[in-house]
Amino acid sequence: RIVTIRYIMQNSRGDVLENTMGGPSASYLHGGSGILPSLQDQLEGLTPGERKQVFLFRGRDAIPEDFSFDVWIEKIREALPQERALGYPLTGMAMECAPGCTCYY
């Protein structure tokens, strides 16, 4: 599935490193390699409209320091065959590829 999220990412000192709440959202293929596995694990089972505070800790996923994310699940949809093959979500014109198209393989 393609999951679209908004989030606020902070480091262990409380510095806001990234904030997508007021700007463009981020999408990823759940089960793919678009975001860290431990972050995906903590988002598992959430539905659109849900919000959750999740944590990533140094030493796991080879990150240099601890981070927290305030994540809001904006929407979830089934992945297109092209997206499953590529391992990431398509956007814009790429989603208009006709059935049988092989332009993304």
Protein backbone atom coordinates (compact mmCIF):
# COMPACT_ATOMS: atom_id res chain seq x y z
CA ARG A 1 0.00 0.00 0.00
CA ILE A 2 1.01 3.59 -0.56
CA VAL A 3 0.89 5.56 2.69
CA THR A 4 0.83 9.35 2.68
CA ILE A 5 1.98 10.98 5.90
CA ARG A 6 2.67 14.36 7.43
CA TYR A 7 5.16 14.61 10.26
CA ILE A 8 7.32 16.70 12.53
CA MET A 9 10.79 15.22 13.07
CA GLN A 10 12.87 16.26 16.09
CA ASN A 11 16.29 15.22 17.33
CA SER A 12 16.99 14.23 20.94
CA ARG A 13 17.59 17.89 21.88
CA GLY A 14 14.09 18.86 20.67
CA ASP A 15 15.29 20.70 17.56
CA VAL A 16 12.74 20.48 14.74
CA LEU A 17 14.62 19.04 11.77
CA GLU A 18 11.73 18.65 9.36
CA ASN A 19 8.07 19.65 9.39
CA THR A 20 5.66 18.61 6.63
CA MET A 21 2.47 19.52 8.50
CA GLY A 22 1.96 22.75 6.56
CA GLY A 23 3.60 21.78 3.28
CA PRO A 24 3.77 18.87 0.86
CA SER A 25 3.12 15.47 2.41
CA ALA A 26 5.40 12.45 2.01
CA SER A 27 4.39 9.08 0.54
CA TYR A 28 6.06 5.68 0.71
CA LEU A 29 5.39 2.08 -0.27
CA HIS A 30 4.69 0.28 3.00
CA GLY A 31 6.96 -2.76 3.12
CA GLY A 32 9.39 -1.15 0.68
CA SER A 33 12.68 0.55 1.37
CA GLY A 34 11.47 4.17 1.16
CA ILE A 35 11.61 4.75 4.90
CA LEU A 36 13.45 3.04 7.74
CA PRO A 37 12.05 -0.38 8.69
CA SER A 38 11.75 0.53 12.39
CA LEU A 39 9.67 3.61 11.46
CA GLN A 40 7.41 1.48 9.24
CA ASP A 41 7.02 -1.05 12.07
CA GLN A 42 5.73 1.67 14.38
CA LEU A 43 3.22 2.90 11.76
CA GLU A 44 1.87 -0.60 11.06
CA GLY A 45 -1.89 -0.85 11.50
CA LEU A 46 -2.61 2.88 11.62
CA THR A 47 -5.49 4.21 9.52
CA PRO A 48 -6.09 7.57 7.82
CA GLY A 49 -6.64 10.34 10.34
CA GLU A 50 -4.68 8.64 13.11
CA ARG A 51 -1.71 10.35 14.69
CA LYS A 52 1.14 8.74 16.62
CA GLN A 53 4.41 9.74 18.29
CA VAL A 54 7.13 7.33 17.17
CA PHE A 55 10.79 7.06 18.12
CA LEU A 56 13.97 5.97 16.39
CA PHE A 57 16.98 5.21 18.55
CA ARG A 58 20.69 5.44 17.79
CA GLY A 59 22.25 2.12 16.91
CA ARG A 60 19.16 0.83 15.11
CA ASP A 61 18.94 1.40 11.35
CA ALA A 62 22.43 2.98 11.53
CA ILE A 63 21.14 6.42 12.52
CA PRO A 64 23.58 8.84 14.19
CA GLU A 65 21.27 10.04 17.01
CA ASP A 66 17.82 9.55 18.53
CA PHE A 67 14.82 11.04 16.71
CA SER A 68 11.11 11.42 17.40
CA PHE A 69 8.36 11.83 14.86
CA ASP A 70 4.86 13.15 15.37
CA VAL A 71 3.21 11.34 12.43
CA TRP A 72 -0.26 11.89 11.00
CA ILE A 73 -1.56 9.32 8.49
CA GLU A 74 -3.14 11.38 5.71
CA LYS A 75 -4.25 8.60 3.37
CA ILE A 76 -3.62 4.99 2.35
CA ARG A 77 -4.28 3.44 -1.05
CA GLU A 78 -3.47 0.25 -2.88
CA ALA A 79 -0.15 0.35 -4.72
CA LEU A 80 -0.20 0.21 -8.51
CA PRO A 81 1.62 -2.72 -10.15
CA GLN A 82 4.29 -0.27 -11.40
CA GLU A 83 4.82 1.02 -7.86
CA ARG A 84 5.23 -2.49 -6.46
CA ALA A 85 7.75 -3.28 -9.21
CA LEU A 86 9.72 -0.07 -8.63
CA GLY A 87 9.47 -0.13 -4.83
CA TYR A 88 8.25 3.45 -4.46
CA PRO A 89 5.14 5.58 -5.15
CA LEU A 90 4.56 7.24 -8.49
CA THR A 91 3.23 10.77 -8.70
CA GLY A 92 1.71 13.06 -11.31
CA MET A 93 1.96 12.01 -14.95
CA ALA A 94 3.66 8.72 -14.07
CA MET A 95 0.40 7.49 -12.50
CA GLU A 96 -1.39 7.93 -15.84
CA CYS A 97 0.54 5.11 -17.49
CA ALA A 98 -1.89 2.93 -19.48
CA PRO A 99 -2.58 -0.73 -18.65
CA GLY A 100 0.17 -2.90 -20.07
CA CYS A 101 2.64 -0.04 -20.08
CA THR A 102 6.21 -1.09 -19.40
CA CYS A 103 7.72 2.40 -19.23
CA TYR A 104 8.61 2.02 -15.53
CA TYR A 105 10.05 -1.50 -15.53
